[in-house]
Amino acid sequence: MPQLDTSTWSTTIVSMILTLFIIFQLKISKHHFPMSPELKPLSTSKTNTPWEKKWTKIYLPLSLPLQ
């Protein structure tokens, strides 16, 4: 049974890694990234609920004078 010749494996692996690196660099270079990303202003909308417009019984004991 003949021996497996592994003398060219290192050359093959190094050239494959170099080729993959170049391909990924070319793919990444085609993307346009924003130069200075800015936060979008958050618009907080307040929802009006019926219990915010009037006093309820929960608040009444606090506002009563002491006896």
N, C-alpha and C. Protein backbone atom coordinates (compact mmCIF):
# COMPACT_ATOMS: atom_id res chain seq x y z
N MET A 1 0.85 -1.19 0.00
CA MET A 1 0.00 0.00 0.00
C MET A 1 0.89 1.24 0.00
N PRO A 2 0.69 2.15 -0.98
CA PRO A 2 1.60 3.31 -1.09
C PRO A 2 1.33 4.35 0.01
N GLN A 3 2.36 5.09 0.30
CA GLN A 3 2.24 6.17 1.29
C GLN A 3 1.55 7.38 0.67
N LEU A 4 0.81 8.09 1.51
CA LEU A 4 0.14 9.30 1.04
C LEU A 4 1.13 10.46 1.05
N ASP A 5 1.27 11.10 -0.08
CA ASP A 5 2.22 12.20 -0.19
C ASP A 5 1.58 13.47 0.38
N THR A 6 2.12 13.97 1.47
CA THR A 6 1.54 15.16 2.13
C THR A 6 2.43 16.37 1.98
N SER A 7 3.37 16.34 1.07
CA SER A 7 4.31 17.45 0.95
C SER A 7 3.66 18.72 0.40
N THR A 8 2.59 18.57 -0.36
CA THR A 8 1.96 19.77 -0.95
C THR A 8 0.78 20.28 -0.12
N TRP A 9 0.49 19.62 0.99
CA TRP A 9 -0.67 20.04 1.78
C TRP A 9 -0.50 21.43 2.36
N SER A 10 0.68 21.72 2.84
CA SER A 10 0.89 23.04 3.45
C SER A 10 0.70 24.15 2.41
N THR A 11 1.20 23.94 1.23
CA THR A 11 1.01 24.93 0.16
C THR A 11 -0.46 25.08 -0.19
N THR A 12 -1.15 23.97 -0.26
CA THR A 12 -2.58 24.01 -0.59
C THR A 12 -3.38 24.73 0.50
N ILE A 13 -3.09 24.43 1.74
CA ILE A 13 -3.83 25.04 2.85
C ILE A 13 -3.55 26.55 2.93
N VAL A 14 -2.30 26.93 2.78
CA VAL A 14 -1.95 28.35 2.84
C VAL A 14 -2.58 29.11 1.68
N SER A 15 -2.55 28.54 0.51
CA SER A 15 -3.14 29.24 -0.64
C SER A 15 -4.66 29.30 -0.51
N MET A 16 -5.28 28.28 0.07
CA MET A 16 -6.73 28.31 0.28
C MET A 16 -7.10 29.39 1.28
N ILE A 17 -6.36 29.51 2.37
CA ILE A 17 -6.65 30.52 3.38
C ILE A 17 -6.45 31.92 2.80
N LEU A 18 -5.41 32.10 2.04
CA LEU A 18 -5.16 33.39 1.41
C LEU A 18 -6.27 33.75 0.42
N THR A 19 -6.71 32.78 -0.35
CA THR A 19 -7.79 33.02 -1.31
C THR A 19 -9.09 33.37 -0.59
N LEU A 20 -9.41 32.64 0.47
CA LEU A 20 -10.62 32.95 1.23
C LEU A 20 -10.55 34.34 1.85
N PHE A 21 -9.39 34.70 2.36
CA PHE A 21 -9.23 36.04 2.92
C PHE A 21 -9.47 37.12 1.87
N ILE A 22 -8.91 36.93 0.70
CA ILE A 22 -9.08 37.92 -0.38
C ILE A 22 -10.55 37.99 -0.81
N ILE A 23 -11.20 36.87 -0.92
CA ILE A 23 -12.61 36.85 -1.33
C ILE A 23 -13.47 37.58 -0.30
N PHE A 24 -13.24 37.31 0.98
CA PHE A 24 -14.03 37.99 2.02
C PHE A 24 -13.74 39.49 2.05
N GLN A 25 -12.50 39.87 1.82
CA GLN A 25 -12.18 41.29 1.79
C GLN A 25 -12.89 41.99 0.62
N LEU A 26 -12.95 41.33 -0.50
CA LEU A 26 -13.64 41.91 -1.65
C LEU A 26 -15.14 42.03 -1.40
N LYS A 27 -15.71 41.03 -0.75
CA LYS A 27 -17.15 41.07 -0.46
C LYS A 27 -17.47 42.17 0.54
N ILE A 28 -16.64 42.30 1.55
CA ILE A 28 -16.88 43.31 2.58
C ILE A 28 -16.68 44.71 2.01
N SER A 29 -15.74 44.88 1.12
CA SER A 29 -15.45 46.21 0.59
C SER A 29 -16.58 46.74 -0.30
N LYS A 30 -17.47 45.89 -0.76
CA LYS A 30 -18.57 46.34 -1.60
C LYS A 30 -19.74 46.89 -0.79
N HIS A 31 -19.74 46.66 0.53
CA HIS A 31 -20.81 47.17 1.37
C HIS A 31 -20.53 48.61 1.75
N HIS A 32 -21.59 49.40 1.81
CA HIS A 32 -21.45 50.80 2.20
C HIS A 32 -22.01 50.95 3.61
N PHE A 33 -21.12 51.25 4.54
CA PHE A 33 -21.52 51.44 5.91
C PHE A 33 -21.63 52.93 6.18
N PRO A 34 -22.55 53.35 7.03
CA PRO A 34 -22.66 54.78 7.35
C PRO A 34 -21.41 55.25 8.10
N MET A 35 -20.95 56.43 7.75
CA MET A 35 -19.72 56.92 8.36
C MET A 35 -19.94 57.32 9.82
N SER A 36 -21.00 58.05 10.09
CA SER A 36 -21.27 58.46 11.47
C SER A 36 -22.71 58.09 11.81
N PRO A 37 -22.91 56.98 12.42
CA PRO A 37 -24.28 56.59 12.76
C PRO A 37 -24.84 57.51 13.84
N GLU A 38 -26.06 57.92 13.64
CA GLU A 38 -26.71 58.82 14.59
C GLU A 38 -27.97 58.16 15.12
N LEU A 39 -28.27 58.49 16.35
CA LEU A 39 -29.47 57.95 16.95
C LEU A 39 -30.70 58.65 16.39
N LYS A 40 -31.70 57.88 16.11
CA LYS A 40 -32.94 58.48 15.65
C LYS A 40 -33.68 59.04 16.85
N PRO A 41 -34.27 60.20 16.72
CA PRO A 41 -35.01 60.76 17.86
C PRO A 41 -36.24 59.91 18.17
N LEU A 42 -36.32 59.55 19.41
CA LEU A 42 -37.45 58.73 19.83
C LEU A 42 -38.63 59.63 20.14
N SER A 43 -39.74 59.36 19.51
CA SER A 43 -40.93 60.15 19.79
C SER A 43 -41.79 59.38 20.77
N THR A 44 -41.84 59.89 21.98
CA THR A 44 -42.65 59.23 23.00
C THR A 44 -44.04 59.84 22.96
N SER A 45 -44.98 59.04 22.65
CA SER A 45 -46.36 59.52 22.61
C SER A 45 -47.05 59.11 23.89
N LYS A 46 -47.62 60.09 24.56
CA LYS A 46 -48.29 59.81 25.82
C LYS A 46 -49.74 59.43 25.51
N THR A 47 -50.14 58.32 26.06
CA THR A 47 -51.51 57.89 25.86
C THR A 47 -52.37 58.44 26.98
N ASN A 48 -53.48 58.99 26.61
CA ASN A 48 -54.39 59.54 27.61
C ASN A 48 -55.34 58.44 28.07
N THR A 49 -55.32 58.23 29.36
CA THR A 49 -56.21 57.24 29.94
C THR A 49 -57.27 57.95 30.77
N PRO A 50 -58.43 57.38 30.91
CA PRO A 50 -59.52 58.07 31.61
C PRO A 50 -59.21 58.37 33.08
N TRP A 51 -58.42 57.52 33.74
CA TRP A 51 -58.18 57.74 35.16
C TRP A 51 -57.13 58.82 35.42
N GLU A 52 -56.45 59.30 34.40
CA GLU A 52 -55.50 60.38 34.61
C GLU A 52 -56.18 61.74 34.62
N LYS A 53 -57.38 61.84 34.11
CA LYS A 53 -58.05 63.13 34.00
C LYS A 53 -58.77 63.53 35.27
N LYS A 54 -59.07 62.60 36.15
CA LYS A 54 -59.84 62.96 37.33
C LYS A 54 -59.27 62.26 38.56
N TRP A 55 -59.59 62.81 39.71
CA TRP A 55 -59.17 62.20 40.96
C TRP A 55 -60.06 61.01 41.25
N THR A 56 -59.47 60.01 41.80
CA THR A 56 -60.26 58.84 42.15
C THR A 56 -60.26 58.66 43.66
N LYS A 57 -60.95 57.67 44.14
CA LYS A 57 -61.08 57.44 45.57
C LYS A 57 -59.74 57.06 46.21
N ILE A 58 -58.82 56.61 45.42
CA ILE A 58 -57.52 56.24 45.98
C ILE A 58 -56.83 57.47 46.52
N TYR A 59 -56.99 58.62 45.86
CA TYR A 59 -56.29 59.82 46.25
C TYR A 59 -57.04 60.61 47.32
N LEU A 60 -58.30 60.33 47.54
CA LEU A 60 -59.09 61.14 48.46
C LEU A 60 -58.60 61.09 49.90
N PRO A 61 -58.24 59.97 50.48
CA PRO A 61 -57.81 59.99 51.87
C PRO A 61 -56.56 60.83 52.11
N LEU A 62 -55.73 60.96 51.12
CA LEU A 62 -54.54 61.76 51.29
C LEU A 62 -54.85 63.26 51.32
N SER A 63 -55.90 63.66 50.68
CA SER A 63 -56.21 65.08 50.60
C SER A 63 -57.19 65.54 51.68
N LEU A 64 -57.74 64.62 52.43
CA LEU A 64 -58.68 65.00 53.50
C LEU A 64 -57.93 65.59 54.69
N PRO A 65 -58.52 66.59 55.37
CA PRO A 65 -57.86 67.12 56.57
C PRO A 65 -57.91 66.12 57.71
N LEU A 66 -56.94 66.25 58.59
CA LEU A 66 -56.89 65.34 59.72
C LEU A 66 -58.00 65.67 60.71
N GLN A 67 -58.58 64.68 61.35
CA GLN A 67 -59.68 64.93 62.29
C GLN A 67 -59.23 64.79 63.71
